[in-house]
Protein backbone atom coordinates (compact mmCIF):
# COMPACT_ATOMS: atom_id res chain seq x y z
CA MET A 1 50.06 178.01 109.34
CA SER A 2 52.14 179.94 111.64
CA LEU A 3 53.40 178.73 115.02
CA GLY A 4 55.30 180.96 117.47
CA THR A 5 55.87 181.82 120.91
CA GLY A 6 57.21 184.87 122.70
CA GLU A 7 57.64 186.18 126.80
CA ALA A 8 55.81 189.13 126.30
CA ALA A 9 52.73 190.77 128.42
CA ALA A 10 49.35 189.17 126.86
CA GLU A 11 48.51 192.42 125.57
CA GLU A 12 51.74 193.37 123.56
CA GLY A 13 51.22 189.91 122.18
CA GLU A 14 48.35 190.57 120.90
CA ARG A 15 49.33 194.16 119.18
CA THR A 16 52.25 191.94 117.62
CA LEU A 17 49.78 189.91 116.28
CA ARG A 18 47.17 191.92 114.94
CA PRO A 19 48.63 193.08 111.71
CA LEU A 20 48.84 189.35 110.98
CA ARG A 21 45.28 188.97 111.50
CA GLU A 22 44.19 192.06 109.32
CA VAL A 23 45.86 191.14 106.29
CA THR A 24 43.46 188.61 105.77
CA GLU A 25 40.67 186.65 107.87
CA PRO A 26 42.86 183.12 109.04
CA LEU A 27 41.49 179.86 108.09
CA CYS A 28 42.32 178.95 111.58
CA ASP A 29 43.66 180.60 114.73
CA LEU A 30 44.79 178.80 117.48
CA SER A 31 47.05 181.92 119.09
CA GLU A 32 46.30 182.23 122.85
CA VAL A 33 47.94 183.25 125.98
CA THR A 34 49.12 179.70 127.46
CA ALA A 35 52.15 178.57 129.53
CA TYR A 36 55.49 177.99 128.02
CA THR A 37 54.92 174.40 129.12
CA GLU A 38 51.91 173.77 127.51
CA ALA A 39 53.03 175.48 123.97
CA GLN A 40 56.56 172.84 124.04
CA ARG A 41 53.74 170.19 124.03
CA PHE A 42 51.56 171.66 120.67
CA LEU A 43 53.45 169.44 118.55
CA ASP A 44 53.52 166.15 120.19
CA GLU A 45 50.84 164.49 118.10
CA ASP A 46 53.56 165.04 115.07
CA TYR A 47 56.31 163.36 116.93
CA PRO A 48 55.15 160.15 118.94
CA ASN A 49 57.43 158.38 121.46
CA GLY A 50 58.97 155.33 119.80
CA ARG A 51 60.20 156.54 116.62
CA LEU A 52 63.49 158.21 115.54
CA TYR A 53 63.37 161.62 113.90
CA TYR A 54 66.51 162.64 111.82
CA TRP A 55 66.36 166.20 110.15
CA LYS A 56 68.70 168.02 107.25
CA SER A 57 67.88 171.11 106.07
CA VAL A 58 69.71 172.86 102.91
CA ASN A 59 69.35 176.52 101.30
CA ALA A 60 68.52 176.76 97.69
CA PRO A 61 68.70 179.76 95.30
CA GLU A 62 66.13 178.78 92.89
CA LEU A 63 63.43 175.98 92.32
CA SER A 64 65.00 174.56 89.23
CA ASP A 65 63.25 171.32 87.49
CA LYS A 66 66.39 169.52 88.41
CA LEU A 67 65.74 170.28 92.16
CA ILE A 68 61.81 169.75 91.98
CA GLU A 69 62.78 166.43 90.27
CA ARG A 70 65.79 165.26 93.01
CA LEU A 71 63.04 166.34 96.11
CA ALA A 72 60.49 163.94 94.01
CA GLU A 73 62.87 161.11 94.04
CA HIS A 74 63.68 161.51 97.60
CA ALA A 75 60.35 161.58 98.81
CA ALA A 76 59.69 158.23 97.02
CA ALA A 77 62.46 156.63 98.48
CA ALA A 78 61.37 158.08 102.40
CA PRO A 79 61.67 155.56 105.02
CA SER A 80 58.01 156.04 105.88
CA PRO A 81 55.04 157.66 105.35
CA ASP A 82 55.42 159.98 108.22
CA SER A 83 58.64 161.17 106.87
CA THR A 84 58.35 164.74 105.01
CA ILE A 85 60.15 167.19 102.51
CA ASP A 86 59.07 170.82 103.50
CA LEU A 87 59.63 173.62 101.72
CA TRP A 88 59.91 177.44 103.35
CA TYR A 89 59.92 180.49 101.29
CA GLN A 90 62.37 183.08 102.92
CA GLY A 91 61.57 186.14 101.21
CA GLY A 92 60.12 189.07 101.49
CA ALA A 93 60.53 191.21 104.78
CA MET A 94 62.50 188.19 106.12
CA ALA A 95 65.01 188.89 103.47
CA ARG A 96 65.44 192.40 104.28
CA VAL A 97 66.50 191.54 107.85
CA GLY A 98 70.43 191.87 108.24
CA GLU A 99 72.32 188.59 108.63
CA GLU A 100 73.98 190.04 112.19
CA GLU A 101 70.45 191.34 113.25
CA THR A 102 68.89 187.91 114.48
CA ALA A 103 70.21 184.51 115.16
CA PHE A 104 68.97 183.34 111.49
CA ALA A 105 71.45 183.49 108.83
CA ASN A 106 71.10 182.91 104.82
CA ARG A 107 68.05 185.32 104.98
CA GLY A 108 69.36 185.94 101.19
CA VAL A 109 68.62 182.75 99.97
CA PRO A 110 65.19 182.24 98.85
CA TYR A 111 64.27 178.70 99.87
CA LEU A 112 64.96 176.31 102.20
CA PHE A 113 64.31 172.47 102.22
CA GLY A 114 63.80 170.41 105.23
CA GLN A 115 63.87 166.82 105.22
CA ARG A 116 62.37 165.06 108.32
CA PHE A 117 62.72 161.10 108.02
CA VAL A 118 60.89 159.07 110.80
CA VAL A 119 61.29 155.62 111.00
CA PRO A 120 60.20 153.28 114.39
CA ALA A 121 63.19 153.04 116.60
CA ILE A 122 62.73 149.50 117.11
CA ALA A 123 63.90 149.11 113.44
CA LEU A 124 67.72 149.60 114.32
CA PRO A 125 69.81 147.49 116.42
CA GLN A 126 70.70 148.80 119.92
CA GLU A 127 74.57 149.42 118.75
CA LEU A 128 73.77 151.46 115.54
CA LEU A 129 71.22 153.33 117.21
CA THR A 130 73.79 154.22 120.22
CA LEU A 131 76.45 155.21 117.50
CA PHE A 132 74.01 157.78 115.68
CA GLN A 133 73.10 159.31 118.93
CA GLU A 134 76.67 159.81 120.03
CA ALA A 135 77.28 161.12 116.71
CA GLY A 136 74.00 163.59 117.16
CA GLU A 137 72.55 162.30 113.88
CA VAL A 138 69.24 161.07 115.44
CA GLU A 139 66.84 162.25 117.94
CA VAL A 140 65.04 159.71 119.82
CA SER A 141 61.76 160.15 121.29
CA SER A 142 61.60 157.71 123.95
CA GLN A 143 63.72 154.93 125.47
CA VAL A 144 64.40 152.12 123.18
CA PRO A 145 64.42 148.91 124.99
């Protein structure tokens, strides 16, 4: 699945997406002309109000057995079934873009792992929640009473 937005005219967006659609027939194509505010809500169901979300990511030069074992251990220890460990491959054309040509660095490292931990916001005492928020370590999707 790919997800993206752009500020181009509809015709230009269609022209840009056409090569992706021609590689193979998509299993599902949700692309459409829509207001930016609607596009922002596309993932709202994945991040419901009342939970804490904590993200960290790291680049990895290879998928070694040791790394896969560690990732499996972390997945088993996740604080909730809504927590994930995601793997993104960054090779191919993406890796051929120069470091200074876009806002995204480390394109030469083939793998990026992202960890998303999710817990109910009520699970933390307010003092601890405030401390984490001030440190920028968690994102809270709604006000906690």
